[in-house]
C-alpha atoms as a PDB file:
ATOM      1  CA  MET A   1     -17.602 -11.711   4.058  1.00  0.00           C
ATOM      2  CA  MET A   2     -16.973  -8.369   2.964  1.00  0.00           C
ATOM      3  CA  GLU A   3     -14.802  -7.980  -0.159  1.00  0.00           C
ATOM      4  CA  PHE A   4     -11.216  -6.315   0.203  1.00  0.00           C
ATOM      5  CA  ILE A   5      -8.590  -4.820  -2.260  1.00  0.00           C
ATOM      6  CA  ASP A   6      -5.534  -4.739  -0.839  1.00  0.00           C
ATOM      7  CA  ILE A   7      -3.455  -1.465  -2.111  1.00  0.00           C
ATOM      8  CA  HIS A   8       0.006  -2.734  -0.433  1.00  0.00           C
ATOM      9  CA  SER A   9       1.269  -6.169  -1.075  1.00  0.00           C
ATOM     10  CA  HIS A  10       4.978  -7.447  -1.566  1.00  0.00           C
ATOM     11  CA  ILE A  11       3.291 -10.936  -3.349  1.00  0.00           C
ATOM     12  CA  LEU A  12       5.227 -11.432  -6.217  1.00  0.00           C
ATOM     13  CA  PRO A  13       8.098 -14.173  -6.004  1.00  0.00           C
ATOM     14  CA  GLY A  14      12.041 -13.334  -6.032  1.00  0.00           C
ATOM     15  CA  VAL A  15      12.190  -9.768  -6.546  1.00  0.00           C
ATOM     16  CA  ASP A  16      12.192  -8.306  -3.346  1.00  0.00           C
ATOM     17  CA  ASP A  17      11.934  -8.666   0.542  1.00  0.00           C
ATOM     18  CA  GLY A  18       8.650 -10.326   0.253  1.00  0.00           C
ATOM     19  CA  ALA A  19       7.908 -13.755  -1.050  1.00  0.00           C
ATOM     20  CA  ARG A  20      10.638 -15.861  -1.699  1.00  0.00           C
ATOM     21  CA  ASN A  21       9.560 -18.084  -4.369  1.00  0.00           C
ATOM     22  CA  MET A  22       6.337 -19.194  -5.936  1.00  0.00           C
ATOM     23  CA  GLU A  23       5.272 -21.533  -3.080  1.00  0.00           C
ATOM     24  CA  GLU A  24       5.208 -18.655  -0.381  1.00  0.00           C
ATOM     25  CA  THR A  25       3.313 -16.420  -3.050  1.00  0.00           C
ATOM     26  CA  LEU A  26       0.657 -19.040  -2.914  1.00  0.00           C
ATOM     27  CA  LYS A  27       0.663 -19.451   0.593  1.00  0.00           C
ATOM     28  CA  MET A  28      -0.090 -15.961   0.920  1.00  0.00           C
ATOM     29  CA  ALA A  29      -2.585 -15.975  -1.918  1.00  0.00           C
ATOM     30  CA  GLU A  30      -4.501 -18.472   0.223  1.00  0.00           C
ATOM     31  CA  ILE A  31      -4.674 -16.487   3.377  1.00  0.00           C
ATOM     32  CA  ALA A  32      -5.524 -13.110   1.305  1.00  0.00           C
ATOM     33  CA  TYR A  33      -8.361 -15.103  -0.322  1.00  0.00           C
ATOM     34  CA  LYS A  34      -9.779 -16.917   3.038  1.00  0.00           C
ATOM     35  CA  GLU A  35      -9.331 -13.290   4.720  1.00  0.00           C
ATOM     36  CA  GLY A  36     -11.720 -11.745   1.963  1.00  0.00           C
ATOM     37  CA  ILE A  37      -9.089  -9.821  -0.406  1.00  0.00           C
ATOM     38  CA  ARG A  38     -10.102 -10.216  -4.026  1.00  0.00           C
ATOM     39  CA  THR A  39      -7.463  -7.913  -5.782  1.00  0.00           C
ATOM     40  CA  ILE A  40      -4.022  -7.579  -4.427  1.00  0.00           C
ATOM     41  CA  PHE A  41      -1.463  -4.709  -5.994  1.00  0.00           C
ATOM     42  CA  ALA A  42       1.773  -6.448  -6.292  1.00  0.00           C
ATOM     43  CA  THR A  43       3.849  -3.155  -5.149  1.00  0.00           C
ATOM     44  CA  SER A  44       7.075  -4.289  -5.088  1.00  0.00           C
ATOM     45  CA  HIS A  45       9.934  -2.008  -3.897  1.00  0.00           C
ATOM     46  CA  TYR A  46      11.585   0.280  -6.029  1.00  0.00           C
ATOM     47  CA  ARG A  47      14.640   1.160  -3.993  1.00  0.00           C
ATOM     48  CA  PRO A  48      17.731   2.082  -5.930  1.00  0.00           C
ATOM     49  CA  GLY A  49      20.738   0.094  -5.278  1.00  0.00           C
ATOM     50  CA  ARG A  50      18.971  -2.606  -3.154  1.00  0.00           C
ATOM     51  CA  PHE A  51      15.596  -3.533  -5.282  1.00  0.00           C
ATOM     52  CA  ALA A  52      15.175  -1.871  -8.756  1.00  0.00           C
ATOM     53  CA  CYS A  53      13.658  -4.878 -10.790  1.00  0.00           C
ATOM     54  CA  PRO A  54      12.767  -3.182 -14.301  1.00  0.00           C
ATOM     55  CA  LYS A  55       8.815  -2.530 -14.981  1.00  0.00           C
ATOM     56  CA  GLU A  56       8.995  -4.860 -17.792  1.00  0.00           C
ATOM     57  CA  LYS A  57      10.327  -7.809 -15.613  1.00  0.00           C
ATOM     58  CA  LEU A  58       7.704  -6.922 -13.351  1.00  0.00           C
ATOM     59  CA  ARG A  59       5.080  -7.130 -15.537  1.00  0.00           C
ATOM     60  CA  ALA A  60       5.913 -10.582 -17.243  1.00  0.00           C
ATOM     61  CA  LYS A  61       6.623 -11.294 -13.098  1.00  0.00           C
ATOM     62  CA  LEU A  62       2.882 -10.973 -12.614  1.00  0.00           C
ATOM     63  CA  SER A  63       1.630 -12.513 -15.369  1.00  0.00           C
ATOM     64  CA  LYS A  64       3.201 -15.671 -14.632  1.00  0.00           C
ATOM     65  CA  THR A  65       2.214 -15.253 -11.064  1.00  0.00           C
ATOM     66  CA  GLN A  66      -1.551 -14.606 -12.089  1.00  0.00           C
ATOM     67  CA  GLU A  67      -1.398 -17.889 -13.683  1.00  0.00           C
ATOM     68  CA  GLU A  68      -0.509 -19.855 -10.849  1.00  0.00           C
ATOM     69  CA  ILE A  69      -2.480 -18.352  -8.291  1.00  0.00           C
ATOM     70  CA  SER A  70      -5.713 -18.670 -10.946  1.00  0.00           C
ATOM     71  CA  ARG A  71      -5.263 -22.452 -10.807  1.00  0.00           C
ATOM     72  CA  PHE A  72      -6.041 -22.409  -7.144  1.00  0.00           C
ATOM     73  CA  PHE A  73      -8.155 -19.166  -6.967  1.00  0.00           C
ATOM     74  CA  PRO A  74      -9.831 -17.893 -10.105  1.00  0.00           C
ATOM     75  CA  GLU A  75     -11.384 -14.903  -8.224  1.00  0.00           C
ATOM     76  CA  LEU A  76      -8.530 -13.399  -6.923  1.00  0.00           C
ATOM     77  CA  LYS A  77      -6.725 -10.926  -9.464  1.00  0.00           C
ATOM     78  CA  LEU A  78      -3.332  -8.867  -9.193  1.00  0.00           C
ATOM     79  CA  VAL A  79      -2.662  -5.309 -10.311  1.00  0.00           C
ATOM     80  CA  GLN A  80       0.776  -3.774 -10.601  1.00  0.00           C
ATOM     81  CA  GLY A  81       2.701  -1.286  -8.836  1.00  0.00           C
ATOM     82  CA  ASN A  82       5.597  -0.284  -7.037  1.00  0.00           C
ATOM     83  CA  GLU A  83       6.394   0.690  -3.338  1.00  0.00           C
ATOM     84  CA  ILE A  84       8.954   3.613  -4.162  1.00  0.00           C
ATOM     85  CA  TYR A  85      11.386   4.600  -1.942  1.00  0.00           C
ATOM     86  CA  TYR A  86      12.052   8.174  -2.228  1.00  0.00           C
ATOM     87  CA  GLY A  87      15.008  10.021  -3.198  1.00  0.00           C
ATOM     88  CA  MET A  88      16.901  11.419  -6.320  1.00  0.00           C
ATOM     89  CA  GLU A  89      16.984   8.334  -8.311  1.00  0.00           C
ATOM     90  CA  ALA A  90      13.445   7.080  -7.221  1.00  0.00           C
ATOM     91  CA  LEU A  91      12.371  10.719  -8.579  1.00  0.00           C
ATOM     92  CA  GLU A  92      14.452  10.536 -11.906  1.00  0.00           C
ATOM     93  CA  ALA A  93      12.584   6.834 -12.083  1.00  0.00           C
ATOM     94  CA  ILE A  94       9.273   8.845 -11.675  1.00  0.00           C
ATOM     95  CA  GLN A  95      10.106  11.154 -14.347  1.00  0.00           C
ATOM     96  CA  GLU A  96      11.361   8.902 -16.903  1.00  0.00           C
ATOM     97  CA  LYS A  97       8.579   6.567 -16.458  1.00  0.00           C
ATOM     98  CA  ARG A  98      10.760   3.716 -15.322  1.00  0.00           C
ATOM     99  CA  ILE A  99       8.279   2.534 -12.445  1.00  0.00           C
ATOM    100  CA  CYS A 100       5.060   1.114 -12.324  1.00  0.00           C
ATOM    101  CA  THR A 101       2.330   3.240 -10.529  1.00  0.00           C
ATOM    102  CA  LEU A 102      -1.049   1.822  -9.220  1.00  0.00           C
ATOM    103  CA  ALA A 103      -2.758  -0.208 -11.789  1.00  0.00           C
ATOM    104  CA  GLY A 104      -1.599   2.009 -14.671  1.00  0.00           C
ATOM    105  CA  SER A 105      -3.209   5.243 -12.974  1.00  0.00           C
ATOM    106  CA  ARG A 106      -1.880   8.244 -11.877  1.00  0.00           C
ATOM    107  CA  TYR A 107      -1.332   7.190  -8.313  1.00  0.00           C
ATOM    108  CA  ILE A 108       2.095   6.189  -6.952  1.00  0.00           C
ATOM    109  CA  LEU A 109       2.954   4.226  -3.675  1.00  0.00           C
ATOM    110  CA  VAL A 110       5.974   6.313  -1.781  1.00  0.00           C
ATOM    111  CA  GLU A 111       7.370   5.649   1.309  1.00  0.00           C
ATOM    112  CA  PHE A 112      10.089   7.067   2.893  1.00  0.00           C
ATOM    113  CA  SER A 113      12.965   6.500   5.870  1.00  0.00           C
ATOM    114  CA  VAL A 114      11.151   5.858   9.019  1.00  0.00           C
ATOM    115  CA  SER A 115      13.785   9.201  10.069  1.00  0.00           C
ATOM    116  CA  SER A 116      12.385  11.797   7.622  1.00  0.00           C
ATOM    117  CA  GLU A 117      11.446  15.106   8.606  1.00  0.00           C
ATOM    118  CA  PHE A 118       8.271  16.461   7.812  1.00  0.00           C
ATOM    119  CA  GLY A 119       9.299  18.977   5.411  1.00  0.00           C
ATOM    120  CA  PHE A 120      11.328  16.540   3.457  1.00  0.00           C
ATOM    121  CA  VAL A 121       8.570  13.997   3.250  1.00  0.00           C
ATOM    122  CA  ARG A 122       6.160  16.825   2.103  1.00  0.00           C
ATOM    123  CA  ASP A 123       8.675  18.571  -0.245  1.00  0.00           C
ATOM    124  CA  GLY A 124       8.978  15.123  -1.671  1.00  0.00           C
ATOM    125  CA  LEU A 125       5.483  14.304  -2.129  1.00  0.00           C
ATOM    126  CA  TYR A 126       4.891  17.501  -3.435  1.00  0.00           C
ATOM    127  CA  LYS A 127       7.870  17.355  -6.504  1.00  0.00           C
ATOM    128  CA  ILE A 128       5.655  14.037  -7.431  1.00  0.00           C
ATOM    129  CA  ILE A 129       2.665  15.955  -7.915  1.00  0.00           C
ATOM    130  CA  LEU A 130       4.263  18.721  -9.977  1.00  0.00           C
ATOM    131  CA  GLU A 131       5.284  15.674 -12.220  1.00  0.00           C
ATOM    132  CA  GLY A 132       1.165  15.083 -12.737  1.00  0.00           C
ATOM    133  CA  TYR A 133       0.937  12.216 -10.260  1.00  0.00           C
ATOM    134  CA  ARG A 134      -0.954  11.264  -7.239  1.00  0.00           C
ATOM    135  CA  PRO A 135       1.131  10.097  -4.326  1.00  0.00           C
ATOM    136  CA  VAL A 136      -0.340   7.898  -1.583  1.00  0.00           C
ATOM    137  CA  LEU A 137       1.872   7.895   1.207  1.00  0.00           C
ATOM    138  CA  ALA A 138       2.580   4.327   2.270  1.00  0.00           C
ATOM    139  CA  HIS A 139       2.159   3.405   5.914  1.00  0.00           C
ATOM    140  CA  VAL A 140       2.260   7.058   7.275  1.00  0.00           C
ATOM    141  CA  GLU A 141       2.370   5.626  10.915  1.00  0.00           C
ATOM    142  CA  ARG A 142       5.507   4.916  10.930  1.00  0.00           C
ATOM    143  CA  TYR A 143       6.854   8.272  10.349  1.00  0.00           C
ATOM    144  CA  HIS A 144       7.110   9.842  13.888  1.00  0.00           C
ATOM    145  CA  ALA A 145       8.378  12.970  12.611  1.00  0.00           C
ATOM    146  CA  VAL A 146       5.098  13.436  10.286  1.00  0.00           C
ATOM    147  CA  CYS A 147       2.592  11.979  12.699  1.00  0.00           C
ATOM    148  CA  LYS A 148       3.830  14.188  16.135  1.00  0.00           C
ATOM    149  CA  LYS A 149       1.376  16.925  14.869  1.00  0.00           C
ATOM    150  CA  LEU A 150      -1.237  15.872  13.317  1.00  0.00           C
ATOM    151  CA  ASP A 151      -1.908  19.583  11.492  1.00  0.00           C
ATOM    152  CA  GLN A 152       1.125  18.345   9.367  1.00  0.00           C
ATOM    153  CA  ILE A 153      -1.070  15.082   7.897  1.00  0.00           C
ATOM    154  CA  ALA A 154      -4.231  17.710   7.305  1.00  0.00           C
ATOM    155  CA  GLU A 155      -1.222  20.018   5.292  1.00  0.00           C
ATOM    156  CA  LEU A 156      -0.634  16.555   3.175  1.00  0.00           C
ATOM    157  CA  LEU A 157      -4.065  15.791   2.842  1.00  0.00           C
ATOM    158  CA  GLU A 158      -4.940  19.604   1.050  1.00  0.00           C
ATOM    159  CA  LEU A 159      -1.527  19.195  -0.868  1.00  0.00           C
ATOM    160  CA  GLY A 160      -3.497  16.164  -2.376  1.00  0.00           C
ATOM    161  CA  VAL A 161      -1.580  13.260  -0.808  1.00  0.00           C
ATOM    162  CA  GLY A 162      -3.440   9.822  -0.264  1.00  0.00           C
ATOM    163  CA  ILE A 163      -2.826   8.337   3.479  1.00  0.00           C
ATOM    164  CA  GLN A 164      -2.071   4.495   3.863  1.00  0.00           C
ATOM    165  CA  VAL A 165      -2.084   2.856   7.163  1.00  0.00           C
ATOM    166  CA  ASN A 166      -1.069  -1.069   7.485  1.00  0.00           C
ATOM    167  CA  ALA A 167      -4.140  -3.102   9.007  1.00  0.00           C
ATOM    168  CA  ASP A 168      -1.659  -4.520  11.750  1.00  0.00           C
ATOM    169  CA  SER A 169      -0.783  -1.140  12.943  1.00  0.00           C
ATOM    170  CA  ILE A 170      -4.437  -0.791  13.549  1.00  0.00           C
ATOM    171  CA  THR A 171      -5.066  -3.749  15.534  1.00  0.00           C
ATOM    172  CA  GLY A 172      -2.275  -3.324  17.365  1.00  0.00           C
ATOM    173  CA  GLU A 173      -0.070  -6.287  16.195  1.00  0.00           C
ATOM    174  CA  SER A 174       2.957  -3.845  15.247  1.00  0.00           C
ATOM    175  CA  GLY A 175       2.826  -2.508  18.847  1.00  0.00           C
ATOM    176  CA  TYR A 176       1.015  -0.158  21.037  1.00  0.00           C
ATOM    177  CA  GLN A 177       2.706   3.183  19.398  1.00  0.00           C
ATOM    178  CA  LEU A 178       1.742   2.527  16.253  1.00  0.00           C
ATOM    179  CA  LYS A 179      -1.811   1.459  16.863  1.00  0.00           C
ATOM    180  CA  GLN A 180      -2.572   4.667  18.788  1.00  0.00           C
ATOM    181  CA  ILE A 181      -1.272   6.842  15.506  1.00  0.00           C
ATOM    182  CA  SER A 182      -3.169   5.016  13.414  1.00  0.00           C
ATOM    183  CA  ARG A 183      -6.480   5.236  15.761  1.00  0.00           C
ATOM    184  CA  LYS A 184      -6.341   9.131  15.885  1.00  0.00           C
ATOM    185  CA  LEU A 185      -5.694   9.381  12.257  1.00  0.00           C
ATOM    186  CA  LEU A 186      -8.877   7.544  11.816  1.00  0.00           C
ATOM    187  CA  LYS A 187     -10.692   9.407  14.206  1.00  0.00           C
ATOM    188  CA  ARG A 188      -9.856  12.464  12.455  1.00  0.00           C
ATOM    189  CA  ASP A 189     -10.395  11.052   9.204  1.00  0.00           C
ATOM    190  CA  TYR A 190      -7.137  11.439   7.904  1.00  0.00           C
ATOM    191  CA  VAL A 191      -6.787   7.840   6.188  1.00  0.00           C
ATOM    192  CA  HIS A 192      -7.978   7.189   2.719  1.00  0.00           C
ATOM    193  CA  PHE A 193      -6.970   3.314   2.706  1.00  0.00           C
ATOM    194  CA  VAL A 194      -5.871   0.277   5.069  1.00  0.00           C
ATOM    195  CA  ALA A 195      -3.857  -2.451   3.536  1.00  0.00           C
ATOM    196  CA  THR A 196      -1.479  -5.280   4.570  1.00  0.00           C
ATOM    197  CA  ASP A 197       1.968  -4.170   3.508  1.00  0.00           C
ATOM    198  CA  ALA A 198       2.409  -8.287   3.485  1.00  0.00           C
ATOM    199  CA  HIS A 199       5.839  -9.864   2.851  1.00  0.00           C
ATOM    200  CA  SER A 200       5.021 -13.760   3.775  1.00  0.00           C
ATOM    201  CA  SER A 201       2.720 -16.206   4.813  1.00  0.00           C
ATOM    202  CA  ARG A 202       4.326 -16.018   8.672  1.00  0.00           C
ATOM    203  CA  SER A 203       4.793 -12.621   9.555  1.00  0.00           C
ATOM    204  CA  ARG A 204       3.073  -9.478   7.885  1.00  0.00           C
ATOM    205  CA  THR A 205       0.903 -11.305   6.511  1.00  0.00           C
ATOM    206  CA  PRO A 206      -2.053 -10.335   4.097  1.00  0.00           C
ATOM    207  CA  ARG A 207      -4.921 -10.278   6.806  1.00  0.00           C
ATOM    208  CA  MET A 208      -7.481  -7.368   6.893  1.00  0.00           C
ATOM    209  CA  GLN A 209     -10.601  -9.375   8.729  1.00  0.00           C
ATOM    210  CA  ALA A 210      -9.592  -8.397  12.499  1.00  0.00           C
ATOM    211  CA  CYS A 211      -8.985  -4.803  11.045  1.00  0.00           C
ATOM    212  CA  ALA A 212     -12.396  -4.738   9.285  1.00  0.00           C
ATOM    213  CA  SER A 213     -13.880  -5.955  11.974  1.00  0.00           C
ATOM    214  CA  TYR A 214     -12.404  -3.382  14.330  1.00  0.00           C
ATOM    215  CA  LEU A 215     -13.377  -0.801  11.986  1.00  0.00           C
ATOM    216  CA  THR A 216     -16.812  -2.073  11.639  1.00  0.00           C
ATOM    217  CA  ARG A 217     -17.492  -1.813  15.530  1.00  0.00           C
ATOM    218  CA  LYS A 218     -15.851   1.239  15.567  1.00  0.00           C
ATOM    219  CA  TYR A 219     -17.064   3.327  12.766  1.00  0.00           C
ATOM    220  CA  GLY A 220     -19.847   1.435  10.678  1.00  0.00           C
ATOM    221  CA  GLU A 221     -19.491  -0.696   7.930  1.00  0.00           C
ATOM    222  CA  ASP A 222     -19.911   2.344   5.228  1.00  0.00           C
ATOM    223  CA  TYR A 223     -16.514   3.757   6.609  1.00  0.00           C
ATOM    224  CA  THR A 224     -14.681   0.344   6.652  1.00  0.00           C
ATOM    225  CA  LYS A 225     -15.696  -0.301   2.826  1.00  0.00           C
ATOM    226  CA  ALA A 226     -14.451   2.863   1.955  1.00  0.00           C
ATOM    227  CA  LEU A 227     -11.287   2.568   3.425  1.00  0.00           C
ATOM    228  CA  MET A 228     -10.932  -1.076   1.862  1.00  0.00           C
ATOM    229  CA  PHE A 229     -13.041  -1.435  -0.945  1.00  0.00           C
ATOM    230  CA  GLN A 230     -13.949   1.774  -2.618  1.00  0.00           C
ATOM    231  CA  ASN A 231     -11.272   3.717  -2.146  1.00  0.00           C
ATOM    232  CA  PRO A 232      -9.233   1.768  -3.628  1.00  0.00           C
ATOM    233  CA  LEU A 233     -11.444   0.726  -6.482  1.00  0.00           C
ATOM    234  CA  LYS A 234     -10.787   4.547  -7.236  1.00  0.00           C
ATOM    235  CA  ILE A 235      -7.321   4.206  -7.966  1.00  0.00           C
ATOM    236  CA  ILE A 236      -8.003   1.241 -10.387  1.00  0.00           C
ATOM    237  CA  TRP A 237     -10.393   3.366 -12.062  1.00  0.00           C
ATOM    238  CA  ASN A 238      -8.219   6.342 -12.136  1.00  0.00           C
ATOM    239  CA  GLU A 239     -10.566   8.784 -10.357  1.00  0.00           C
ATOM    240  CA  GLU A 240     -10.460  11.356  -7.614  1.00  0.00           C
ATOM    241  CA  LEU A 241     -10.861  10.574  -3.889  1.00  0.00           C
END
């Protein structure tokens, strides 16, 4: 079985709208392990006014969660992160180093409102770049205004933005429109990462095998490994994509 690194997951218990408790976390870990996932970035939401768990508490929570997971799945490793909901308060938190970058690297996972216009997304990502970080745009396929012209994605790539697509969007589990957008991006080689964005063991689950099978059939094993293992590994090593 191919080994995967999942850079986008809400597996930490009781910190956002992901796993509610440790029992749910362990169920998610079991699914992930059976799917071939061996490293999970615990990217809890950072959204001021809704989810803003301090990074010290997140680190303590991750340590405890890793301890519990290791009892059952010793090969499954957790890595610290946040999914930042972009806005001025979040930008200030980035500037003041109050958020968790991905694996302590210069990479930051960033999301926007799905109704955001392209100019707002581009300018927000550029501001993060000016702070010395490398933004990874979470589930890009959800932003209609960004994806309606694929040349706009090329513009983000030229800025140095990493592009992440959800696995269930590629397989069609999140609907036809997201599937079509995701596959167009893949065809143009505009994607760096495929991740689960997992929130529970019942819906939005940490599954990658079905997507990996599709990608392998369509584009080959090397491309699949790049999106699901090698590029994520570059984040851990803090290397350029």
